[in-house]
Amino acid sequence: MKRILHLKSSLQGKGSYSIKLGNAIVERIQEKYPDNTLEELNLVDIEIPHLNPDVLRTFFIPGDQLTVAEKESIRFSDEVVKQLLAADIIVIGAPLYNFTIPTSLKAWIDHITRAGITFGYGENGPVGMVTGKKVYVAMSSGGVFSEGPGKVNDFVAPYLKAFLGFLGMTDLTVFRAEGLKVPGVKEYAWERAVESIEIN
């Protein structure tokens, strides 16, 4: 059985192309792996708390030394880490906002980044501990950022590849619905995005 985790981070709700693209990717995954379970997490709806100094400090305290209040302060982080580690396939909706990812997705990343749990350090440097996962990114943007002059301003795909790779998730594929606001491109942008989906 394949366990699928679909993360949504768009502020656009039902009109979001990253959510629509993520749904299309999930459908293709389910076609390939009929025996599956799907868990969806809308990062906007749950209003993920941003890290604060107390929570960050608590990340580095051994579990058996935590107070009740400290355990409660990192409960959300513990839950999303457990959810991530349990998944086989992760679909991440990542619209491009101001050249980068939404704050809700960055907050999720901050909460899954746990030394000794999702990454560690060996003699040769950092070691990702979240391995054996397949990640698909459903990226959307009003402009074109995969090529041309806009490429230098794409801080979504390169960032996610670099950081998730740091955690051990190196098998990552990005599908794009782009040029959604560009005349002459937007007319077929969605169809091109859906046609690009290939599950491996």
N, C-alpha and C. Protein backbone atom coordinates (compact mmCIF):
# COMPACT_ATOMS: atom_id res chain seq x y z
N MET A 1 0.84 -1.20 0.00
CA MET A 1 0.00 0.00 0.00
C MET A 1 0.87 1.26 0.00
N LYS A 2 0.55 2.20 -0.88
CA LYS A 2 1.26 3.47 -0.92
C LYS A 2 0.52 4.50 -0.07
N ARG A 3 1.25 5.15 0.78
CA ARG A 3 0.68 6.19 1.63
C ARG A 3 1.04 7.54 1.02
N ILE A 4 0.01 8.29 0.62
CA ILE A 4 0.19 9.57 -0.08
C ILE A 4 -0.13 10.72 0.86
N LEU A 5 0.74 11.70 0.91
CA LEU A 5 0.51 12.92 1.68
C LEU A 5 0.46 14.09 0.71
N HIS A 6 -0.67 14.81 0.69
CA HIS A 6 -0.84 15.96 -0.21
C HIS A 6 -0.90 17.24 0.62
N LEU A 7 0.10 18.09 0.46
CA LEU A 7 0.17 19.37 1.16
C LEU A 7 -0.32 20.49 0.25
N LYS A 8 -1.16 21.35 0.79
CA LYS A 8 -1.68 22.50 0.03
C LYS A 8 -1.27 23.77 0.76
N SER A 9 -0.78 24.76 0.00
CA SER A 9 -0.31 25.98 0.67
C SER A 9 -0.82 27.26 0.01
N SER A 10 -1.75 27.12 -0.92
CA SER A 10 -2.24 28.30 -1.65
C SER A 10 -3.29 29.07 -0.86
N LEU A 11 -3.28 30.39 -1.06
CA LEU A 11 -4.29 31.26 -0.46
C LEU A 11 -5.54 31.38 -1.34
N GLN A 12 -5.51 30.76 -2.51
CA GLN A 12 -6.57 30.96 -3.50
C GLN A 12 -7.74 29.99 -3.37
N GLY A 13 -7.65 29.05 -2.47
CA GLY A 13 -8.76 28.11 -2.28
C GLY A 13 -9.06 27.29 -3.51
N LYS A 14 -10.34 27.13 -3.82
CA LYS A 14 -10.75 26.29 -4.95
C LYS A 14 -10.27 26.81 -6.29
N GLY A 15 -9.93 28.10 -6.35
CA GLY A 15 -9.45 28.67 -7.60
C GLY A 15 -7.96 28.49 -7.80
N SER A 16 -7.30 27.83 -6.86
CA SER A 16 -5.85 27.69 -6.91
C SER A 16 -5.39 26.67 -7.95
N TYR A 17 -4.46 27.10 -8.79
CA TYR A 17 -3.91 26.18 -9.79
C TYR A 17 -2.93 25.20 -9.16
N SER A 18 -2.24 25.59 -8.11
CA SER A 18 -1.34 24.63 -7.47
C SER A 18 -2.13 23.50 -6.80
N ILE A 19 -3.30 23.84 -6.25
CA ILE A 19 -4.15 22.81 -5.66
C ILE A 19 -4.73 21.91 -6.74
N LYS A 20 -5.20 22.53 -7.84
CA LYS A 20 -5.74 21.73 -8.94
C LYS A 20 -4.68 20.81 -9.53
N LEU A 21 -3.46 21.34 -9.67
CA LEU A 21 -2.38 20.54 -10.23
C LEU A 21 -2.00 19.43 -9.25
N GLY A 22 -1.97 19.75 -7.97
CA GLY A 22 -1.69 18.73 -6.96
C GLY A 22 -2.73 17.62 -6.99
N ASN A 23 -4.00 18.01 -7.13
CA ASN A 23 -5.07 17.01 -7.22
C ASN A 23 -4.90 16.11 -8.44
N ALA A 24 -4.50 16.73 -9.56
CA ALA A 24 -4.29 15.96 -10.79
C ALA A 24 -3.13 14.97 -10.62
N ILE A 25 -2.08 15.41 -9.92
CA ILE A 25 -0.94 14.53 -9.66
C ILE A 25 -1.37 13.37 -8.78
N VAL A 26 -2.15 13.67 -7.74
CA VAL A 26 -2.64 12.63 -6.84
C VAL A 26 -3.48 11.62 -7.60
N GLU A 27 -4.32 12.10 -8.50
CA GLU A 27 -5.16 11.19 -9.29
C GLU A 27 -4.30 10.24 -10.13
N ARG A 28 -3.25 10.76 -10.72
CA ARG A 28 -2.36 9.91 -11.53
C ARG A 28 -1.64 8.88 -10.64
N ILE A 29 -1.25 9.31 -9.45
CA ILE A 29 -0.59 8.39 -8.51
C ILE A 29 -1.55 7.27 -8.13
N GLN A 30 -2.80 7.64 -7.86
CA GLN A 30 -3.78 6.65 -7.44
C GLN A 30 -4.11 5.68 -8.58
N GLU A 31 -4.04 6.17 -9.81
CA GLU A 31 -4.24 5.29 -10.96
C GLU A 31 -3.13 4.25 -11.04
N LYS A 32 -1.91 4.69 -10.76
CA LYS A 32 -0.76 3.79 -10.83
C LYS A 32 -0.71 2.86 -9.63
N TYR A 33 -1.13 3.37 -8.47
CA TYR A 33 -1.10 2.57 -7.24
C TYR A 33 -2.50 2.53 -6.63
N PRO A 34 -3.38 1.68 -7.15
CA PRO A 34 -4.77 1.63 -6.66
C PRO A 34 -4.87 1.32 -5.17
N ASP A 35 -3.91 0.58 -4.65
CA ASP A 35 -3.90 0.26 -3.23
C ASP A 35 -3.16 1.37 -2.50
N ASN A 36 -3.91 2.38 -2.03
CA ASN A 36 -3.27 3.55 -1.43
C ASN A 36 -4.14 4.16 -0.35
N THR A 37 -3.53 5.00 0.44
CA THR A 37 -4.26 5.84 1.38
C THR A 37 -3.83 7.27 1.12
N LEU A 38 -4.76 8.20 1.24
CA LEU A 38 -4.48 9.60 0.96
C LEU A 38 -4.77 10.44 2.19
N GLU A 39 -3.78 11.24 2.57
CA GLU A 39 -3.96 12.20 3.65
C GLU A 39 -3.68 13.58 3.09
N GLU A 40 -4.63 14.50 3.28
CA GLU A 40 -4.49 15.86 2.77
C GLU A 40 -4.32 16.82 3.95
N LEU A 41 -3.42 17.77 3.76
CA LEU A 41 -3.18 18.76 4.81
C LEU A 41 -3.14 20.14 4.18
N ASN A 42 -4.14 20.95 4.49
CA ASN A 42 -4.18 22.33 3.99
C ASN A 42 -3.48 23.22 5.01
N LEU A 43 -2.29 23.65 4.66
CA LEU A 43 -1.46 24.40 5.60
C LEU A 43 -2.02 25.78 5.91
N VAL A 44 -2.84 26.30 5.02
CA VAL A 44 -3.45 27.62 5.24
C VAL A 44 -4.58 27.51 6.25
N ASP A 45 -5.40 26.48 6.11
CA ASP A 45 -6.56 26.32 6.99
C ASP A 45 -6.16 26.10 8.44
N ILE A 46 -5.05 25.40 8.66
CA ILE A 46 -4.68 25.10 10.05
C ILE A 46 -3.83 26.20 10.69
N GLU A 47 -3.47 27.21 9.92
CA GLU A 47 -2.73 28.36 10.45
C GLU A 47 -1.52 27.91 11.28
N ILE A 48 -0.55 27.35 10.60
CA ILE A 48 0.65 26.83 11.25
C ILE A 48 1.36 27.95 12.02
N PRO A 49 1.66 27.70 13.28
CA PRO A 49 2.38 28.72 14.06
C PRO A 49 3.83 28.84 13.59
N HIS A 50 4.30 30.04 13.45
CA HIS A 50 5.71 30.23 13.11
C HIS A 50 6.56 29.92 14.34
N LEU A 51 7.78 29.51 14.10
CA LEU A 51 8.66 29.18 15.21
C LEU A 51 8.92 30.41 16.08
N ASN A 52 9.06 30.17 17.37
CA ASN A 52 9.48 31.23 18.27
C ASN A 52 10.67 30.71 19.08
N PRO A 53 11.37 31.57 19.80
CA PRO A 53 12.57 31.14 20.52
C PRO A 53 12.35 29.97 21.48
N ASP A 54 11.21 29.96 22.17
CA ASP A 54 10.96 28.89 23.14
C ASP A 54 10.79 27.54 22.45
N VAL A 55 10.04 27.52 21.35
CA VAL A 55 9.83 26.26 20.63
C VAL A 55 11.15 25.77 20.03
N LEU A 56 11.91 26.68 19.46
CA LEU A 56 13.20 26.29 18.87
C LEU A 56 14.11 25.69 19.93
N ARG A 57 14.14 26.29 21.10
CA ARG A 57 14.97 25.76 22.19
C ARG A 57 14.52 24.36 22.59
N THR A 58 13.20 24.17 22.61
CA THR A 58 12.64 22.88 23.01
C THR A 58 13.02 21.77 22.04
N PHE A 59 13.21 22.12 20.77
CA PHE A 59 13.61 21.13 19.77
C PHE A 59 14.89 20.39 20.18
N PHE A 60 15.73 21.04 20.96
CA PHE A 60 17.04 20.48 21.28
C PHE A 60 17.12 19.86 22.67
N ILE A 61 15.98 19.75 23.33
CA ILE A 61 15.94 19.10 24.65
C ILE A 61 15.55 17.64 24.47
N PRO A 62 16.28 16.70 25.06
CA PRO A 62 15.91 15.28 24.95
C PRO A 62 14.49 15.05 25.41
N GLY A 63 13.77 14.18 24.70
CA GLY A 63 12.36 13.95 24.98
C GLY A 63 12.04 13.60 26.41
N ASP A 64 12.90 12.83 27.07
CA ASP A 64 12.62 12.41 28.43
C ASP A 64 12.87 13.51 29.46
N GLN A 65 13.36 14.65 28.97
CA GLN A 65 13.61 15.78 29.87
C GLN A 65 12.60 16.92 29.69
N LEU A 66 11.65 16.74 28.78
CA LEU A 66 10.69 17.79 28.49
C LEU A 66 9.61 17.89 29.57
N THR A 67 9.23 19.11 29.89
CA THR A 67 8.10 19.33 30.79
C THR A 67 6.81 19.14 30.01
N VAL A 68 5.70 19.07 30.71
CA VAL A 68 4.40 18.93 30.05
C VAL A 68 4.16 20.11 29.10
N ALA A 69 4.49 21.31 29.56
CA ALA A 69 4.29 22.51 28.74
C ALA A 69 5.17 22.48 27.49
N GLU A 70 6.40 22.01 27.65
CA GLU A 70 7.31 21.93 26.50
C GLU A 70 6.85 20.90 25.49
N LYS A 71 6.35 19.78 25.97
CA LYS A 71 5.81 18.75 25.07
C LYS A 71 4.63 19.30 24.28
N GLU A 72 3.80 20.07 24.92
CA GLU A 72 2.65 20.67 24.26
C GLU A 72 3.09 21.69 23.22
N SER A 73 4.16 22.42 23.51
CA SER A 73 4.62 23.47 22.59
C SER A 73 5.14 22.91 21.27
N ILE A 74 5.61 21.64 21.29
CA ILE A 74 6.12 21.05 20.05
C ILE A 74 5.23 19.92 19.54
N ARG A 75 4.01 19.86 20.07
CA ARG A 75 3.08 18.81 19.66
C ARG A 75 2.80 18.86 18.16
N PHE A 76 2.57 20.08 17.64
CA PHE A 76 2.30 20.20 16.21
C PHE A 76 3.49 19.71 15.39
N SER A 77 4.68 20.12 15.77
CA SER A 77 5.88 19.70 15.07
C SER A 77 6.02 18.18 15.10
N ASP A 78 5.80 17.59 16.25
CA ASP A 78 5.88 16.13 16.36
C ASP A 78 4.88 15.45 15.44
N GLU A 79 3.69 16.02 15.35
CA GLU A 79 2.63 15.42 14.52
C GLU A 79 2.97 15.47 13.04
N VAL A 80 3.47 16.62 12.56
CA VAL A 80 3.76 16.72 11.13
C VAL A 80 5.01 15.91 10.76
N VAL A 81 5.94 15.79 11.68
CA VAL A 81 7.11 14.94 11.42
C VAL A 81 6.66 13.49 11.31
N LYS A 82 5.81 13.04 12.22
CA LYS A 82 5.30 11.67 12.18
C LYS A 82 4.54 11.42 10.89
N GLN A 83 3.75 12.39 10.47
CA GLN A 83 2.97 12.29 9.24
C GLN A 83 3.90 12.18 8.03
N LEU A 84 4.94 13.00 8.01
CA LEU A 84 5.90 12.99 6.91
C LEU A 84 6.62 11.65 6.83
N LEU A 85 7.10 11.15 7.96
CA LEU A 85 7.86 9.91 7.97
C LEU A 85 7.01 8.71 7.57
N ALA A 86 5.71 8.81 7.81
CA ALA A 86 4.81 7.69 7.48
C ALA A 86 4.46 7.63 6.00
N ALA A 87 4.64 8.74 5.28
CA ALA A 87 4.25 8.80 3.88
C ALA A 87 5.28 8.15 2.96
N ASP A 88 4.79 7.55 1.88
CA ASP A 88 5.66 7.01 0.84
C ASP A 88 5.83 8.02 -0.29
N ILE A 89 4.74 8.72 -0.59
CA ILE A 89 4.73 9.70 -1.69
C ILE A 89 4.18 11.01 -1.15
N ILE A 90 4.89 12.10 -1.43
CA ILE A 90 4.48 13.42 -0.93
C ILE A 90 4.25 14.34 -2.12
N VAL A 91 3.08 14.95 -2.17
CA VAL A 91 2.73 15.92 -3.20
C VAL A 91 2.64 17.28 -2.52
N ILE A 92 3.45 18.22 -2.98
CA ILE A 92 3.52 19.53 -2.34
C ILE A 92 3.02 20.61 -3.29
N GLY A 93 1.93 21.24 -2.93
CA GLY A 93 1.44 22.37 -3.70
C GLY A 93 2.25 23.61 -3.35
N ALA A 94 2.88 24.21 -4.37
CA ALA A 94 3.79 25.32 -4.10
C ALA A 94 3.60 26.45 -5.11
N PRO A 95 2.63 27.32 -4.89
CA PRO A 95 2.50 28.47 -5.77
C PRO A 95 3.66 29.43 -5.55
N LEU A 96 4.05 30.13 -6.58
CA LEU A 96 5.13 31.11 -6.48
C LEU A 96 4.52 32.44 -6.05
N TYR A 97 4.87 32.86 -4.84
CA TYR A 97 4.43 34.16 -4.31
C TYR A 97 5.67 35.03 -4.12
N ASN A 98 5.71 36.15 -4.82
CA ASN A 98 6.84 37.08 -4.66
C ASN A 98 8.18 36.36 -4.83
N PHE A 99 8.21 35.51 -5.84
CA PHE A 99 9.41 34.76 -6.24
C PHE A 99 9.75 33.57 -5.35
N THR A 100 8.95 33.30 -4.31
CA THR A 100 9.30 32.19 -3.42
C THR A 100 8.04 31.47 -2.95
N ILE A 101 8.19 30.60 -1.94
CA ILE A 101 7.06 29.80 -1.46
C ILE A 101 6.21 30.58 -0.47
N PRO A 102 4.94 30.18 -0.29
CA PRO A 102 4.08 30.84 0.70
C PRO A 102 4.62 30.65 2.11
N THR A 103 4.29 31.56 2.99
CA THR A 103 4.77 31.48 4.36
C THR A 103 4.26 30.24 5.08
N SER A 104 3.09 29.75 4.71
CA SER A 104 2.55 28.55 5.37
C SER A 104 3.42 27.34 5.06
N LEU A 105 3.91 27.25 3.83
CA LEU A 105 4.78 26.13 3.46
C LEU A 105 6.13 26.26 4.14
N LYS A 106 6.65 27.48 4.24
CA LYS A 106 7.92 27.69 4.94
C LYS A 106 7.77 27.33 6.43
N ALA A 107 6.63 27.66 7.01
CA ALA A 107 6.40 27.32 8.42
C ALA A 107 6.39 25.80 8.61
N TRP A 108 5.75 25.08 7.68
CA TRP A 108 5.74 23.61 7.75
C TRP A 108 7.16 23.07 7.67
N ILE A 109 7.95 23.63 6.75
CA ILE A 109 9.35 23.21 6.62
C ILE A 109 10.10 23.44 7.92
N ASP A 110 9.88 24.57 8.57
CA ASP A 110 10.57 24.85 9.83
C ASP A 110 10.20 23.83 10.90
N HIS A 111 8.95 23.36 10.89
CA HIS A 111 8.50 22.42 11.91
C HIS A 111 8.96 20.98 11.63
N ILE A 112 9.28 20.65 10.38
CA ILE A 112 9.75 19.28 10.11
C ILE A 112 11.27 19.19 10.15
N THR A 113 11.93 20.31 10.36
CA THR A 113 13.40 20.33 10.40
C THR A 113 13.86 20.10 11.83
N ARG A 114 14.11 18.85 12.16
CA ARG A 114 14.42 18.47 13.53
C ARG A 114 15.74 17.69 13.59
N ALA A 115 16.72 18.29 14.21
CA ALA A 115 18.02 17.65 14.35
C ALA A 115 17.87 16.34 15.12
N GLY A 116 18.48 15.29 14.60
CA GLY A 116 18.41 13.99 15.23
C GLY A 116 17.18 13.20 14.86
N ILE A 117 16.23 13.83 14.15
CA ILE A 117 14.99 13.16 13.75
C ILE A 117 14.85 13.15 12.23
N THR A 118 14.96 14.34 11.61
CA THR A 118 14.84 14.40 10.15
C THR A 118 16.18 14.69 9.47
N PHE A 119 17.17 15.08 10.25
CA PHE A 119 18.51 15.24 9.71
C PHE A 119 19.52 15.12 10.85
N GLY A 120 20.75 14.85 10.48
CA GLY A 120 21.79 14.76 11.49
C GLY A 120 23.11 15.17 10.87
N TYR A 121 24.18 15.02 11.61
CA TYR A 121 25.51 15.36 11.11
C TYR A 121 26.44 14.18 11.31
N GLY A 122 27.12 13.80 10.23
CA GLY A 122 28.10 12.74 10.29
C GLY A 122 29.49 13.30 10.12
N GLU A 123 30.46 12.43 9.99
CA GLU A 123 31.85 12.87 9.84
C GLU A 123 32.07 13.68 8.58
N ASN A 124 31.23 13.43 7.57
CA ASN A 124 31.38 14.13 6.30
C ASN A 124 30.35 15.23 6.09
N GLY A 125 29.67 15.61 7.17
CA GLY A 125 28.71 16.71 7.05
C GLY A 125 27.28 16.26 7.29
N PRO A 126 26.29 17.06 6.83
CA PRO A 126 24.88 16.77 7.08
C PRO A 126 24.43 15.45 6.46
N VAL A 127 23.51 14.78 7.15
CA VAL A 127 22.94 13.53 6.67
C VAL A 127 21.42 13.62 6.77
N GLY A 128 20.74 13.52 5.62
CA GLY A 128 19.28 13.52 5.62
C GLY A 128 18.75 12.20 6.15
N MET A 129 17.72 12.26 6.99
CA MET A 129 17.17 11.06 7.61
C MET A 129 15.77 10.72 7.10
N VAL A 130 15.23 11.56 6.19
CA VAL A 130 13.91 11.28 5.62
C VAL A 130 14.14 10.68 4.23
N THR A 131 14.36 9.40 4.19
CA THR A 131 14.75 8.74 2.94
C THR A 131 13.65 7.80 2.44
N GLY A 132 13.81 7.37 1.19
CA GLY A 132 12.87 6.43 0.60
C GLY A 132 11.54 7.04 0.20
N LYS A 133 11.49 8.35 0.06
CA LYS A 133 10.26 9.04 -0.32
C LYS A 133 10.33 9.49 -1.79
N LYS A 134 9.18 9.55 -2.43
CA LYS A 134 9.06 10.19 -3.74
C LYS A 134 8.28 11.48 -3.53
N VAL A 135 8.83 12.59 -4.02
CA VAL A 135 8.20 13.90 -3.85
C VAL A 135 7.83 14.48 -5.21
N TYR A 136 6.60 14.96 -5.32
CA TYR A 136 6.15 15.68 -6.50
C TYR A 136 5.75 17.09 -6.06
N VAL A 137 6.24 18.09 -6.76
CA VAL A 137 5.89 19.47 -6.46
C VAL A 137 4.94 19.99 -7.53
N ALA A 138 3.80 20.51 -7.09
CA ALA A 138 2.82 21.12 -7.98
C ALA A 138 3.00 22.63 -7.88
N MET A 139 3.76 23.18 -8.82
CA MET A 139 4.11 24.59 -8.77
C MET A 139 3.25 25.39 -9.75
N SER A 140 2.80 26.54 -9.32
CA SER A 140 2.02 27.41 -10.20
C SER A 140 2.58 28.83 -10.14
N SER A 141 2.45 29.53 -11.26
CA SER A 141 2.93 30.92 -11.30
C SER A 141 2.26 31.68 -12.42
N GLY A 142 2.07 32.97 -12.18
CA GLY A 142 1.47 33.82 -13.20
C GLY A 142 2.40 34.03 -14.38
N GLY A 143 3.70 34.10 -14.11
CA GLY A 143 4.69 34.26 -15.17
C GLY A 143 5.36 32.94 -15.51
N VAL A 144 6.31 33.02 -16.41
CA VAL A 144 7.09 31.84 -16.81
C VAL A 144 8.43 31.90 -16.09
N PHE A 145 8.72 30.86 -15.30
CA PHE A 145 9.94 30.85 -14.50
C PHE A 145 10.83 29.63 -14.76
N SER A 146 10.39 28.74 -15.62
CA SER A 146 11.21 27.56 -15.91
C SER A 146 12.31 27.87 -16.92
N GLU A 147 12.14 28.96 -17.65
CA GLU A 147 13.11 29.33 -18.69
C GLU A 147 13.00 30.83 -18.95
N GLY A 148 13.91 31.33 -19.75
CA GLY A 148 13.87 32.75 -20.10
C GLY A 148 14.30 33.65 -18.96
N PRO A 149 13.99 34.95 -19.07
CA PRO A 149 14.47 35.93 -18.08
C PRO A 149 13.91 35.70 -16.68
N GLY A 150 12.78 35.03 -16.58
CA GLY A 150 12.19 34.80 -15.26
C GLY A 150 12.87 33.71 -14.46
N LYS A 151 13.69 32.90 -15.11
CA LYS A 151 14.28 31.74 -14.43
C LYS A 151 15.12 32.13 -13.22
N VAL A 152 15.84 33.26 -13.32
CA VAL A 152 16.71 33.67 -12.20
C VAL A 152 15.90 34.06 -10.96
N ASN A 153 14.62 34.30 -11.14
CA ASN A 153 13.77 34.70 -10.01
C ASN A 153 12.94 33.55 -9.46
N ASP A 154 13.21 32.34 -9.91
CA ASP A 154 12.49 31.18 -9.36
C ASP A 154 13.20 30.69 -8.11
N PHE A 155 12.65 31.04 -6.95
CA PHE A 155 13.20 30.58 -5.69
C PHE A 155 12.26 29.56 -5.03
N VAL A 156 11.45 28.92 -5.87
CA VAL A 156 10.55 27.86 -5.40
C VAL A 156 11.16 26.49 -5.67
N ALA A 157 11.27 26.12 -6.94
CA ALA A 157 11.79 24.80 -7.29
C ALA A 157 13.22 24.57 -6.79
N PRO A 158 14.15 25.51 -7.03
CA PRO A 158 15.52 25.29 -6.54
C PRO A 158 15.59 25.16 -5.02
N TYR A 159 14.81 25.98 -4.32
CA TYR A 159 14.82 25.93 -2.86
C TYR A 159 14.30 24.60 -2.35
N LEU A 160 13.15 24.16 -2.89
CA LEU A 160 12.58 22.90 -2.42
C LEU A 160 13.48 21.72 -2.75
N LYS A 161 14.08 21.73 -3.93
CA LYS A 161 15.01 20.65 -4.28
C LYS A 161 16.19 20.62 -3.32
N ALA A 162 16.74 21.79 -3.02
CA ALA A 162 17.91 21.87 -2.14
C ALA A 162 17.56 21.48 -0.71
N PHE A 163 16.49 22.05 -0.19
CA PHE A 163 16.21 21.82 1.22
C PHE A 163 15.65 20.44 1.48
N LEU A 164 14.69 19.99 0.67
CA LEU A 164 14.16 18.65 0.89
C LEU A 164 15.24 17.60 0.65
N GLY A 165 16.15 17.91 -0.28
CA GLY A 165 17.30 17.03 -0.49
C GLY A 165 18.17 16.97 0.74
N PHE A 166 18.32 18.08 1.43
CA PHE A 166 19.09 18.14 2.68
C PHE A 166 18.50 17.20 3.72
N LEU A 167 17.17 17.06 3.71
CA LEU A 167 16.51 16.17 4.66
C LEU A 167 16.51 14.72 4.18
N GLY A 168 17.01 14.48 2.96
CA GLY A 168 17.07 13.11 2.45
C GLY A 168 16.09 12.81 1.34
N MET A 169 15.22 13.77 1.00
CA MET A 169 14.22 13.56 -0.06
C MET A 169 14.79 14.05 -1.40
N THR A 170 15.61 13.21 -1.99
CA THR A 170 16.33 13.59 -3.21
C THR A 170 15.60 13.19 -4.48
N ASP A 171 14.59 12.33 -4.37
CA ASP A 171 13.82 11.90 -5.55
C ASP A 171 12.63 12.83 -5.70
N LEU A 172 12.86 13.96 -6.37
CA LEU A 172 11.86 15.03 -6.45
C LEU A 172 11.63 15.45 -7.89
N THR A 173 10.35 15.58 -8.25
CA THR A 173 9.96 16.01 -9.59
C THR A 173 9.05 17.21 -9.49
N VAL A 174 9.30 18.22 -10.30
CA VAL A 174 8.49 19.44 -10.30
C VAL A 174 7.63 19.49 -11.56
N PHE A 175 6.33 19.66 -11.38
CA PHE A 175 5.42 19.92 -12.49
C PHE A 175 4.93 21.36 -12.35
N ARG A 176 4.83 22.06 -13.47
CA ARG A 176 4.52 23.49 -13.42
C ARG A 176 3.27 23.86 -14.23
N ALA A 177 2.44 24.65 -13.60
CA ALA A 177 1.38 25.36 -14.32
C ALA A 177 1.87 26.80 -14.31
N GLU A 178 2.46 27.24 -15.39
CA GLU A 178 3.10 28.56 -15.41
C GLU A 178 2.64 29.40 -16.59
N GLY A 179 2.88 30.70 -16.47
CA GLY A 179 2.41 31.62 -17.51
C GLY A 179 0.91 31.81 -17.47
N LEU A 180 0.34 31.61 -16.29
CA LEU A 180 -1.12 31.66 -16.14
C LEU A 180 -1.70 33.06 -16.32
N LYS A 181 -0.84 34.08 -16.32
CA LYS A 181 -1.29 35.46 -16.52
C LYS A 181 -0.69 36.07 -17.78
N VAL A 182 0.05 35.28 -18.54
CA VAL A 182 0.76 35.80 -19.72
C VAL A 182 -0.06 35.61 -20.99
N PRO A 183 -0.43 36.69 -21.66
CA PRO A 183 -1.17 36.56 -22.92
C PRO A 183 -0.40 35.70 -23.92
N GLY A 184 -1.11 34.81 -24.59
CA GLY A 184 -0.47 33.94 -25.55
C GLY A 184 0.07 32.67 -24.95
N VAL A 185 0.14 32.65 -23.63
CA VAL A 185 0.61 31.45 -22.92
C VAL A 185 -0.50 30.90 -22.03
N LYS A 186 -1.22 31.82 -21.38
CA LYS A 186 -2.23 31.40 -20.42
C LYS A 186 -3.35 30.57 -21.05
N GLU A 187 -3.56 30.76 -22.35
CA GLU A 187 -4.65 30.06 -23.01
C GLU A 187 -4.46 28.54 -23.01
N TYR A 188 -3.21 28.08 -22.96
CA TYR A 188 -2.96 26.63 -22.97
C TYR A 188 -2.07 26.20 -21.80
N ALA A 189 -1.84 27.08 -20.85
CA ALA A 189 -0.94 26.78 -19.73
C ALA A 189 -1.43 25.61 -18.89
N TRP A 190 -2.73 25.59 -18.59
CA TRP A 190 -3.25 24.52 -17.75
C TRP A 190 -3.18 23.16 -18.45
N GLU A 191 -3.58 23.14 -19.71
CA GLU A 191 -3.54 21.88 -20.46
C GLU A 191 -2.10 21.35 -20.55
N ARG A 192 -1.16 22.24 -20.77
CA ARG A 192 0.24 21.83 -20.85
C ARG A 192 0.69 21.25 -19.51
N ALA A 193 0.26 21.87 -18.41
CA ALA A 193 0.65 21.39 -17.09
C ALA A 193 0.15 19.98 -16.84
N VAL A 194 -1.12 19.73 -17.14
CA VAL A 194 -1.71 18.41 -16.90
C VAL A 194 -1.06 17.37 -17.80
N GLU A 195 -0.78 17.74 -19.04
CA GLU A 195 -0.15 16.81 -19.96
C GLU A 195 1.27 16.45 -19.55
N SER A 196 1.91 17.30 -18.76
CA SER A 196 3.28 17.04 -18.35
C SER A 196 3.40 16.02 -17.24
N ILE A 197 2.28 15.72 -16.59
CA ILE A 197 2.34 14.84 -15.41
C ILE A 197 2.69 13.41 -15.83
N GLU A 198 3.77 12.94 -15.27
CA GLU A 198 4.22 11.57 -15.51
C GLU A 198 4.70 10.99 -14.18
N ILE A 199 4.07 9.94 -13.75
CA ILE A 199 4.38 9.33 -12.47
C ILE A 199 5.37 8.19 -12.66
N ASN A 200 6.47 8.26 -11.92
CA ASN A 200 7.47 7.19 -12.04
C ASN A 200 7.86 6.64 -10.68
